[in-house]
């Protein structure tokens, strides 16, 4: 399987990375490392994570208050959002 990112998910990661880098140099890269670990788990076991609504699955990222929302399609996994869990849950994908 391959991963495909929506524009929203890319924007989510970019803004979170920039915010964490402002807080402390290198923290944004630590955030990216945690995302990469989660994405590797999703690729290895895509059905491991719970379905939270419709076909969206949710993987909570270790150490940072974010979740990856994704769907499993026939030949790819689509990353719809890297959601900041501190936001209003109504804004989830």
PDB file of N, CA and C in Angstrom:
ATOM      1  N   UNK A   1       0.837  -1.184   0.000  1.00  0.00           N
ATOM      2  CA  UNK A   1       0.000   0.000   0.000  1.00  0.00           C
ATOM      3  C   UNK A   1       0.878   1.242   0.000  1.00  0.00           C
ATOM      4  N   UNK A   2       0.312   2.293  -0.539  1.00  0.00           N
ATOM      5  CA  UNK A   2       1.003   3.572  -0.538  1.00  0.00           C
ATOM      6  C   UNK A   2       0.192   4.579   0.274  1.00  0.00           C
ATOM      7  N   UNK A   3       0.862   5.653   0.651  1.00  0.00           N
ATOM      8  CA  UNK A   3       0.198   6.732   1.373  1.00  0.00           C
ATOM      9  C   UNK A   3      -0.061   7.882   0.414  1.00  0.00           C
ATOM     10  N   UNK A   4      -1.223   8.498   0.551  1.00  0.00           N
ATOM     11  CA  UNK A   4      -1.540   9.719  -0.194  1.00  0.00           C
ATOM     12  C   UNK A   4      -2.028  10.741   0.825  1.00  0.00           C
ATOM     13  N   UNK A   5      -1.547  11.960   0.694  1.00  0.00           N
ATOM     14  CA  UNK A   5      -1.876  13.027   1.638  1.00  0.00           C
ATOM     15  C   UNK A   5      -2.816  14.029   0.984  1.00  0.00           C
ATOM     16  N   UNK A   6      -3.833  14.440   1.707  1.00  0.00           N
ATOM     17  CA  UNK A   6      -4.702  15.506   1.217  1.00  0.00           C
ATOM     18  C   UNK A   6      -4.010  16.846   1.481  1.00  0.00           C
ATOM     19  N   UNK A   7      -4.494  17.877   0.806  1.00  0.00           N
ATOM     20  CA  UNK A   7      -3.940  19.213   1.046  1.00  0.00           C
ATOM     21  C   UNK A   7      -4.121  19.619   2.505  1.00  0.00           C
ATOM     22  N   UNK A   8      -5.256  19.238   3.076  1.00  0.00           N
ATOM     23  CA  UNK A   8      -5.515  19.583   4.477  1.00  0.00           C
ATOM     24  C   UNK A   8      -4.471  18.947   5.394  1.00  0.00           C
ATOM     25  N   UNK A   9      -4.151  17.678   5.174  1.00  0.00           N
ATOM     26  CA  UNK A   9      -3.189  17.007   6.055  1.00  0.00           C
ATOM     27  C   UNK A   9      -1.804  17.634   5.941  1.00  0.00           C
ATOM     28  N   UNK A  10      -1.428  18.040   4.742  1.00  0.00           N
ATOM     29  CA  UNK A  10      -0.132  18.701   4.551  1.00  0.00           C
ATOM     30  C   UNK A  10      -0.109  20.038   5.285  1.00  0.00           C
ATOM     31  N   UNK A  11      -1.187  20.794   5.165  1.00  0.00           N
ATOM     32  CA  UNK A  11      -1.277  22.088   5.863  1.00  0.00           C
ATOM     33  C   UNK A  11      -1.257  21.891   7.378  1.00  0.00           C
ATOM     34  N   UNK A  12      -1.929  20.840   7.862  1.00  0.00           N
ATOM     35  CA  UNK A  12      -1.938  20.545   9.302  1.00  0.00           C
ATOM     36  C   UNK A  12      -0.515  20.326   9.816  1.00  0.00           C
ATOM     37  N   UNK A  13       0.240  19.510   9.110  1.00  0.00           N
ATOM     38  CA  UNK A  13       1.608  19.187   9.533  1.00  0.00           C
ATOM     39  C   UNK A  13       2.497  20.421   9.439  1.00  0.00           C
ATOM     40  N   UNK A  14       2.376  21.170   8.351  1.00  0.00           N
ATOM     41  CA  UNK A  14       3.204  22.374   8.184  1.00  0.00           C
ATOM     42  C   UNK A  14       2.982  23.376   9.304  1.00  0.00           C
ATOM     43  N   UNK A  15       1.718  23.626   9.655  1.00  0.00           N
ATOM     44  CA  UNK A  15       1.451  24.626  10.695  1.00  0.00           C
ATOM     45  C   UNK A  15       1.894  24.124  12.070  1.00  0.00           C
ATOM     46  N   UNK A  16       1.685  22.853  12.351  1.00  0.00           N
ATOM     47  CA  UNK A  16       2.124  22.311  13.643  1.00  0.00           C
ATOM     48  C   UNK A  16       3.652  22.320  13.748  1.00  0.00           C
ATOM     49  N   UNK A  17       4.325  21.946  12.663  1.00  0.00           N
ATOM     50  CA  UNK A  17       5.791  21.968  12.653  1.00  0.00           C
ATOM     51  C   UNK A  17       6.301  23.371  12.953  1.00  0.00           C
ATOM     52  N   UNK A  18       5.748  24.373  12.271  1.00  0.00           N
ATOM     53  CA  UNK A  18       6.183  25.758  12.472  1.00  0.00           C
ATOM     54  C   UNK A  18       5.947  26.198  13.913  1.00  0.00           C
ATOM     55  N   UNK A  19       4.788  25.840  14.482  1.00  0.00           N
ATOM     56  CA  UNK A  19       4.481  26.232  15.854  1.00  0.00           C
ATOM     57  C   UNK A  19       5.468  25.596  16.839  1.00  0.00           C
ATOM     58  N   UNK A  20       5.725  24.296  16.670  1.00  0.00           N
ATOM     59  CA  UNK A  20       6.650  23.622  17.587  1.00  0.00           C
ATOM     60  C   UNK A  20       8.075  24.158  17.445  1.00  0.00           C
ATOM     61  N   UNK A  21       8.485  24.501  16.246  1.00  0.00           N
ATOM     62  CA  UNK A  21       9.826  25.061  16.054  1.00  0.00           C
ATOM     63  C   UNK A  21       9.942  26.427  16.724  1.00  0.00           C
ATOM     64  N   UNK A  22       8.842  27.192  16.761  1.00  0.00           N
ATOM     65  CA  UNK A  22       8.860  28.481  17.459  1.00  0.00           C
ATOM     66  C   UNK A  22       9.020  28.281  18.964  1.00  0.00           C
ATOM     67  N   UNK A  23       8.454  27.199  19.470  1.00  0.00           N
ATOM     68  CA  UNK A  23       8.521  26.934  20.903  1.00  0.00           C
ATOM     69  C   UNK A  23       9.935  26.553  21.328  1.00  0.00           C
ATOM     70  N   UNK A  24      10.568  25.712  20.532  1.00  0.00           N
ATOM     71  CA  UNK A  24      11.938  25.286  20.821  1.00  0.00           C
ATOM     72  C   UNK A  24      12.557  24.720  19.550  1.00  0.00           C
ATOM     73  N   UNK A  25      13.718  25.187  19.214  1.00  0.00           N
ATOM     74  CA  UNK A  25      14.405  24.699  18.021  1.00  0.00           C
ATOM     75  C   UNK A  25      14.590  23.181  18.107  1.00  0.00           C
ATOM     76  N   UNK A  26      14.178  22.486  17.069  1.00  0.00           N
ATOM     77  CA  UNK A  26      14.305  21.030  17.022  1.00  0.00           C
ATOM     78  C   UNK A  26      13.044  20.299  17.433  1.00  0.00           C
ATOM     79  N   UNK A  27      12.146  20.977  18.146  1.00  0.00           N
ATOM     80  CA  UNK A  27      10.914  20.320  18.602  1.00  0.00           C
ATOM     81  C   UNK A  27      10.016  19.963  17.422  1.00  0.00           C
ATOM     82  N   UNK A  28      10.025  20.779  16.387  1.00  0.00           N
ATOM     83  CA  UNK A  28       9.248  20.465  15.185  1.00  0.00           C
ATOM     84  C   UNK A  28       9.720  19.173  14.537  1.00  0.00           C
ATOM     85  N   UNK A  29      11.022  18.957  14.541  1.00  0.00           N
ATOM     86  CA  UNK A  29      11.562  17.721  13.968  1.00  0.00           C
ATOM     87  C   UNK A  29      11.216  16.508  14.840  1.00  0.00           C
ATOM     88  N   UNK A  30      11.152  16.708  16.149  1.00  0.00           N
ATOM     89  CA  UNK A  30      10.710  15.626  17.036  1.00  0.00           C
ATOM     90  C   UNK A  30       9.250  15.281  16.742  1.00  0.00           C
ATOM     91  N   UNK A  31       8.439  16.295  16.480  1.00  0.00           N
ATOM     92  CA  UNK A  31       7.044  16.089  16.094  1.00  0.00           C
ATOM     93  C   UNK A  31       6.974  15.273  14.800  1.00  0.00           C
ATOM     94  N   UNK A  32       7.773  15.656  13.806  1.00  0.00           N
ATOM     95  CA  UNK A  32       7.788  14.912  12.539  1.00  0.00           C
ATOM     96  C   UNK A  32       8.221  13.460  12.741  1.00  0.00           C
ATOM     97  N   UNK A  33       9.185  13.242  13.628  1.00  0.00           N
ATOM     98  CA  UNK A  33       9.624  11.865  13.922  1.00  0.00           C
ATOM     99  C   UNK A  33       8.475  11.038  14.489  1.00  0.00           C
ATOM    100  N   UNK A  34       7.695  11.630  15.394  1.00  0.00           N
ATOM    101  CA  UNK A  34       6.556  10.910  15.982  1.00  0.00           C
ATOM    102  C   UNK A  34       5.487  10.621  14.930  1.00  0.00           C
ATOM    103  N   UNK A  35       5.286  11.549  14.014  1.00  0.00           N
ATOM    104  CA  UNK A  35       4.334  11.306  12.928  1.00  0.00           C
ATOM    105  C   UNK A  35       4.823  10.150  12.061  1.00  0.00           C
ATOM    106  N   UNK A  36       6.118  10.143  11.759  1.00  0.00           N
ATOM    107  CA  UNK A  36       6.677   9.088  10.919  1.00  0.00           C
ATOM    108  C   UNK A  36       6.516   7.710  11.571  1.00  0.00           C
ATOM    109  N   UNK A  37       6.731   7.624  12.856  1.00  0.00           N
ATOM    110  CA  UNK A  37       6.536   6.364  13.573  1.00  0.00           C
ATOM    111  C   UNK A  37       5.085   5.905  13.441  1.00  0.00           C
ATOM    112  N   UNK A  38       4.153   6.833  13.634  1.00  0.00           N
ATOM    113  CA  UNK A  38       2.727   6.497  13.520  1.00  0.00           C
ATOM    114  C   UNK A  38       2.366   6.080  12.101  1.00  0.00           C
ATOM    115  N   UNK A  39       2.901   6.767  11.113  1.00  0.00           N
ATOM    116  CA  UNK A  39       2.610   6.405   9.721  1.00  0.00           C
ATOM    117  C   UNK A  39       3.152   5.026   9.373  1.00  0.00           C
ATOM    118  N   UNK A  40       4.311   4.694   9.899  1.00  0.00           N
ATOM    119  CA  UNK A  40       4.860   3.349   9.661  1.00  0.00           C
ATOM    120  C   UNK A  40       3.977   2.272  10.282  1.00  0.00           C
ATOM    121  N   UNK A  41       3.420   2.556  11.454  1.00  0.00           N
ATOM    122  CA  UNK A  41       2.490   1.611  12.083  1.00  0.00           C
ATOM    123  C   UNK A  41       1.225   1.472  11.248  1.00  0.00           C
ATOM    124  N   UNK A  42       0.727   2.596  10.739  1.00  0.00           N
ATOM    125  CA  UNK A  42      -0.472   2.566   9.898  1.00  0.00           C
ATOM    126  C   UNK A  42      -0.199   1.737   8.645  1.00  0.00           C
ATOM    127  N   UNK A  43       0.952   1.940   8.030  1.00  0.00           N
ATOM    128  CA  UNK A  43       1.294   1.172   6.830  1.00  0.00           C
ATOM    129  C   UNK A  43       1.423  -0.319   7.123  1.00  0.00           C
ATOM    130  N   UNK A  44       1.992  -0.649   8.265  1.00  0.00           N
ATOM    131  CA  UNK A  44       2.195  -2.056   8.621  1.00  0.00           C
ATOM    132  C   UNK A  44       0.894  -2.754   8.988  1.00  0.00           C
ATOM    133  N   UNK A  45       0.042  -2.053   9.723  1.00  0.00           N
ATOM    134  CA  UNK A  45      -1.212  -2.633  10.210  1.00  0.00           C
ATOM    135  C   UNK A  45      -2.346  -1.622  10.068  1.00  0.00           C
ATOM    136  N   UNK A  46      -2.802  -1.343   8.856  1.00  0.00           N
ATOM    137  CA  UNK A  46      -3.775  -0.260   8.661  1.00  0.00           C
ATOM    138  C   UNK A  46      -5.102  -0.458   9.387  1.00  0.00           C
ATOM    139  N   UNK A  47      -5.488  -1.682   9.629  1.00  0.00           N
ATOM    140  CA  UNK A  47      -6.774  -1.926  10.283  1.00  0.00           C
ATOM    141  C   UNK A  47      -6.665  -2.000  11.809  1.00  0.00           C
ATOM    142  N   UNK A  48      -5.474  -1.761  12.332  1.00  0.00           N
ATOM    143  CA  UNK A  48      -5.240  -1.856  13.767  1.00  0.00           C
ATOM    144  C   UNK A  48      -5.983  -0.755  14.536  1.00  0.00           C
ATOM    145  N   UNK A  49      -6.163   0.391  13.916  1.00  0.00           N
ATOM    146  CA  UNK A  49      -6.754   1.528  14.624  1.00  0.00           C
ATOM    147  C   UNK A  49      -8.266   1.565  14.448  1.00  0.00           C
ATOM    148  N   UNK A  50      -8.930   2.084  15.460  1.00  0.00           N
ATOM    149  CA  UNK A  50     -10.391   2.101  15.497  1.00  0.00           C
ATOM    150  C   UNK A  50     -10.996   2.987  14.407  1.00  0.00           C
ATOM    151  N   UNK A  51     -12.171   2.595  13.981  1.00  0.00           N
ATOM    152  CA  UNK A  51     -12.968   3.438  13.089  1.00  0.00           C
ATOM    153  C   UNK A  51     -13.764   4.368  13.987  1.00  0.00           C
ATOM    154  N   UNK A  52     -13.571   5.668  13.804  1.00  0.00           N
ATOM    155  CA  UNK A  52     -14.238   6.608  14.720  1.00  0.00           C
ATOM    156  C   UNK A  52     -15.545   7.143  14.159  1.00  0.00           C
ATOM    157  N   UNK A  53     -15.643   7.334  12.861  1.00  0.00           N
ATOM    158  CA  UNK A  53     -16.915   7.668  12.224  1.00  0.00           C
ATOM    159  C   UNK A  53     -16.771   7.455  10.717  1.00  0.00           C
ATOM    160  N   UNK A  54     -17.875   7.034  10.110  1.00  0.00           N
ATOM    161  CA  UNK A  54     -17.873   6.662   8.691  1.00  0.00           C
ATOM    162  C   UNK A  54     -16.729   5.671   8.462  1.00  0.00           C
ATOM    163  N   UNK A  55     -15.871   5.945   7.501  1.00  0.00           N
ATOM    164  CA  UNK A  55     -14.735   5.058   7.229  1.00  0.00           C
ATOM    165  C   UNK A  55     -13.419   5.595   7.780  1.00  0.00           C
ATOM    166  N   UNK A  56     -13.486   6.684   8.535  1.00  0.00           N
ATOM    167  CA  UNK A  56     -12.270   7.304   9.061  1.00  0.00           C
ATOM    168  C   UNK A  56     -11.736   6.518  10.257  1.00  0.00           C
ATOM    169  N   UNK A  57     -10.443   6.270  10.211  1.00  0.00           N
ATOM    170  CA  UNK A  57      -9.751   5.639  11.343  1.00  0.00           C
ATOM    171  C   UNK A  57      -8.876   6.693  12.004  1.00  0.00           C
ATOM    172  N   UNK A  58      -8.582   6.456  13.284  1.00  0.00           N
ATOM    173  CA  UNK A  58      -7.837   7.443  14.055  1.00  0.00           C
ATOM    174  C   UNK A  58      -6.644   6.797  14.744  1.00  0.00           C
ATOM    175  N   UNK A  59      -5.467   7.363  14.503  1.00  0.00           N
ATOM    176  CA  UNK A  59      -4.241   6.938  15.166  1.00  0.00           C
ATOM    177  C   UNK A  59      -3.752   8.107  16.009  1.00  0.00           C
ATOM    178  N   UNK A  60      -3.686   7.922  17.321  1.00  0.00           N
ATOM    179  CA  UNK A  60      -3.201   8.976  18.213  1.00  0.00           C
ATOM    180  C   UNK A  60      -1.675   8.946  18.189  1.00  0.00           C
ATOM    181  N   UNK A  61      -1.089  10.114  17.976  1.00  0.00           N
ATOM    182  CA  UNK A  61       0.366  10.233  17.900  1.00  0.00           C
ATOM    183  C   UNK A  61       0.952  10.244  19.308  1.00  0.00           C
ATOM    184  N   UNK A  62       2.003   9.498  19.497  1.00  0.00           N
ATOM    185  CA  UNK A  62       2.692   9.451  20.788  1.00  0.00           C
ATOM    186  C   UNK A  62       3.354  10.795  21.084  1.00  0.00           C
ATOM    187  N   UNK A  63       3.239  11.220  22.317  1.00  0.00           N
ATOM    188  CA  UNK A  63       3.921  12.380  22.874  1.00  0.00           C
ATOM    189  C   UNK A  63       3.307  13.728  22.525  1.00  0.00           C
ATOM    190  N   UNK A  64       2.671  13.855  21.390  1.00  0.00           N
ATOM    191  CA  UNK A  64       2.082  15.122  20.976  1.00  0.00           C
ATOM    192  C   UNK A  64       0.563  14.976  20.917  1.00  0.00           C
ATOM    193  N   UNK A  65      -0.173  16.055  21.190  1.00  0.00           N
ATOM    194  CA  UNK A  65      -1.646  15.956  21.239  1.00  0.00           C
ATOM    195  C   UNK A  65      -2.294  16.017  19.847  1.00  0.00           C
ATOM    196  N   UNK A  66      -1.914  15.097  18.993  1.00  0.00           N
ATOM    197  CA  UNK A  66      -2.424  15.050  17.621  1.00  0.00           C
ATOM    198  C   UNK A  66      -2.886  13.640  17.287  1.00  0.00           C
ATOM    199  N   UNK A  67      -3.804  13.562  16.325  1.00  0.00           N
ATOM    200  CA  UNK A  67      -4.278  12.279  15.798  1.00  0.00           C
ATOM    201  C   UNK A  67      -4.220  12.331  14.277  1.00  0.00           C
ATOM    202  N   UNK A  68      -3.908  11.190  13.692  1.00  0.00           N
ATOM    203  CA  UNK A  68      -3.931  11.060  12.240  1.00  0.00           C
ATOM    204  C   UNK A  68      -5.254  10.410  11.865  1.00  0.00           C
ATOM    205  N   UNK A  69      -6.019  11.078  11.009  1.00  0.00           N
ATOM    206  CA  UNK A  69      -7.263  10.523  10.497  1.00  0.00           C
ATOM    207  C   UNK A  69      -7.023  10.057   9.075  1.00  0.00           C
ATOM    208  N   UNK A  70      -7.384   8.815   8.799  1.00  0.00           N
ATOM    209  CA  UNK A  70      -7.110   8.236   7.492  1.00  0.00           C
ATOM    210  C   UNK A  70      -8.204   7.262   7.084  1.00  0.00           C
ATOM    211  N   UNK A  71      -8.240   6.955   5.800  1.00  0.00           N
ATOM    212  CA  UNK A  71      -9.130   5.923   5.278  1.00  0.00           C
ATOM    213  C   UNK A  71      -8.294   4.922   4.510  1.00  0.00           C
ATOM    214  N   UNK A  72      -8.801   3.705   4.476  1.00  0.00           N
ATOM    215  CA  UNK A  72      -8.138   2.633   3.736  1.00  0.00           C
ATOM    216  C   UNK A  72      -8.912   2.442   2.434  1.00  0.00           C
ATOM    217  N   UNK A  73      -8.247   2.677   1.335  1.00  0.00           N
ATOM    218  CA  UNK A  73      -8.843   2.483   0.019  1.00  0.00           C
ATOM    219  C   UNK A  73      -8.293   1.182  -0.562  1.00  0.00           C
ATOM    220  N   UNK A  74      -8.655   0.883  -1.771  1.00  0.00           N
ATOM    221  CA  UNK A  74      -8.255  -0.393  -2.361  1.00  0.00           C
ATOM    222  C   UNK A  74      -6.742  -0.554  -2.456  1.00  0.00           C
ATOM    223  N   UNK A  75      -6.058   0.481  -2.954  1.00  0.00           N
ATOM    224  CA  UNK A  75      -4.607   0.369  -3.160  1.00  0.00           C
ATOM    225  C   UNK A  75      -3.796   1.405  -2.403  1.00  0.00           C
ATOM    226  N   UNK A  76      -4.448   2.193  -1.592  1.00  0.00           N
ATOM    227  CA  UNK A  76      -3.724   3.240  -0.885  1.00  0.00           C
ATOM    228  C   UNK A  76      -4.411   3.602   0.425  1.00  0.00           C
ATOM    229  N   UNK A  77      -3.639   4.250   1.263  1.00  0.00           N
ATOM    230  CA  UNK A  77      -4.156   4.804   2.511  1.00  0.00           C
ATOM    231  C   UNK A  77      -4.122   6.315   2.338  1.00  0.00           C
ATOM    232  N   UNK A  78      -5.265   6.950   2.558  1.00  0.00           N
ATOM    233  CA  UNK A  78      -5.349   8.392   2.392  1.00  0.00           C
ATOM    234  C   UNK A  78      -5.321   9.057   3.764  1.00  0.00           C
ATOM    235  N   UNK A  79      -4.332   9.923   3.960  1.00  0.00           N
ATOM    236  CA  UNK A  79      -4.217  10.693   5.199  1.00  0.00           C
ATOM    237  C   UNK A  79      -5.037  11.961   4.991  1.00  0.00           C
ATOM    238  N   UNK A  80      -6.144  12.069   5.721  1.00  0.00           N
ATOM    239  CA  UNK A  80      -7.054  13.201   5.549  1.00  0.00           C
ATOM    240  C   UNK A  80      -6.711  14.381   6.446  1.00  0.00           C
ATOM    241  N   UNK A  81      -6.196  14.087   7.640  1.00  0.00           N
ATOM    242  CA  UNK A  81      -5.914  15.168   8.576  1.00  0.00           C
ATOM    243  C   UNK A  81      -4.923  14.698   9.638  1.00  0.00           C
ATOM    244  N   UNK A  82      -4.077  15.623  10.058  1.00  0.00           N
ATOM    245  CA  UNK A  82      -3.258  15.435  11.252  1.00  0.00           C
ATOM    246  C   UNK A  82      -3.821  16.467  12.220  1.00  0.00           C
ATOM    247  N   UNK A  83      -4.748  16.003  13.024  1.00  0.00           N
ATOM    248  CA  UNK A  83      -5.643  16.871  13.797  1.00  0.00           C
ATOM    249  C   UNK A  83      -5.087  17.165  15.186  1.00  0.00           C
ATOM    250  N   UNK A  84      -5.107  18.434  15.545  1.00  0.00           N
ATOM    251  CA  UNK A  84      -4.716  18.859  16.884  1.00  0.00           C
ATOM    252  C   UNK A  84      -5.876  18.540  17.828  1.00  0.00           C
ATOM    253  N   UNK A  85      -5.672  17.608  18.741  1.00  0.00           N
ATOM    254  CA  UNK A  85      -6.737  17.147  19.631  1.00  0.00           C
ATOM    255  C   UNK A  85      -7.247  18.217  20.587  1.00  0.00           C
ATOM    256  N   UNK A  86      -6.560  19.342  20.658  1.00  0.00           N
ATOM    257  CA  UNK A  86      -7.010  20.429  21.527  1.00  0.00           C
ATOM    258  C   UNK A  86      -8.076  21.284  20.851  1.00  0.00           C
ATOM    259  N   UNK A  87      -8.330  21.051  19.575  1.00  0.00           N
ATOM    260  CA  UNK A  87      -9.344  21.804  18.847  1.00  0.00           C
ATOM    261  C   UNK A  87     -10.730  21.266  19.138  1.00  0.00           C
ATOM    262  N   UNK A  88     -11.711  22.003  18.701  1.00  0.00           N
ATOM    263  CA  UNK A  88     -13.112  21.578  18.812  1.00  0.00           C
ATOM    264  C   UNK A  88     -13.290  20.296  17.998  1.00  0.00           C
ATOM    265  N   UNK A  89     -13.778  19.214  18.611  1.00  0.00           N
ATOM    266  CA  UNK A  89     -13.949  17.949  17.895  1.00  0.00           C
ATOM    267  C   UNK A  89     -14.869  18.053  16.673  1.00  0.00           C
ATOM    268  N   UNK A  90     -15.680  19.074  16.624  1.00  0.00           N
ATOM    269  CA  UNK A  90     -16.567  19.249  15.458  1.00  0.00           C
ATOM    270  C   UNK A  90     -15.771  19.596  14.196  1.00  0.00           C
ATOM    271  N   UNK A  91     -14.517  19.988  14.366  1.00  0.00           N
ATOM    272  CA  UNK A  91     -13.667  20.332  13.214  1.00  0.00           C
ATOM    273  C   UNK A  91     -12.957  19.111  12.629  1.00  0.00           C
ATOM    274  N   UNK A  92     -13.144  17.950  13.232  1.00  0.00           N
ATOM    275  CA  UNK A  92     -12.507  16.735  12.705  1.00  0.00           C
ATOM    276  C   UNK A  92     -12.988  16.465  11.296  1.00  0.00           C
ATOM    277  N   UNK A  93     -12.208  15.719  10.534  1.00  0.00           N
ATOM    278  CA  UNK A  93     -12.626  15.418   9.152  1.00  0.00           C
ATOM    279  C   UNK A  93     -13.897  14.577   9.107  1.00  0.00           C
TER     280      UNK A  93
END
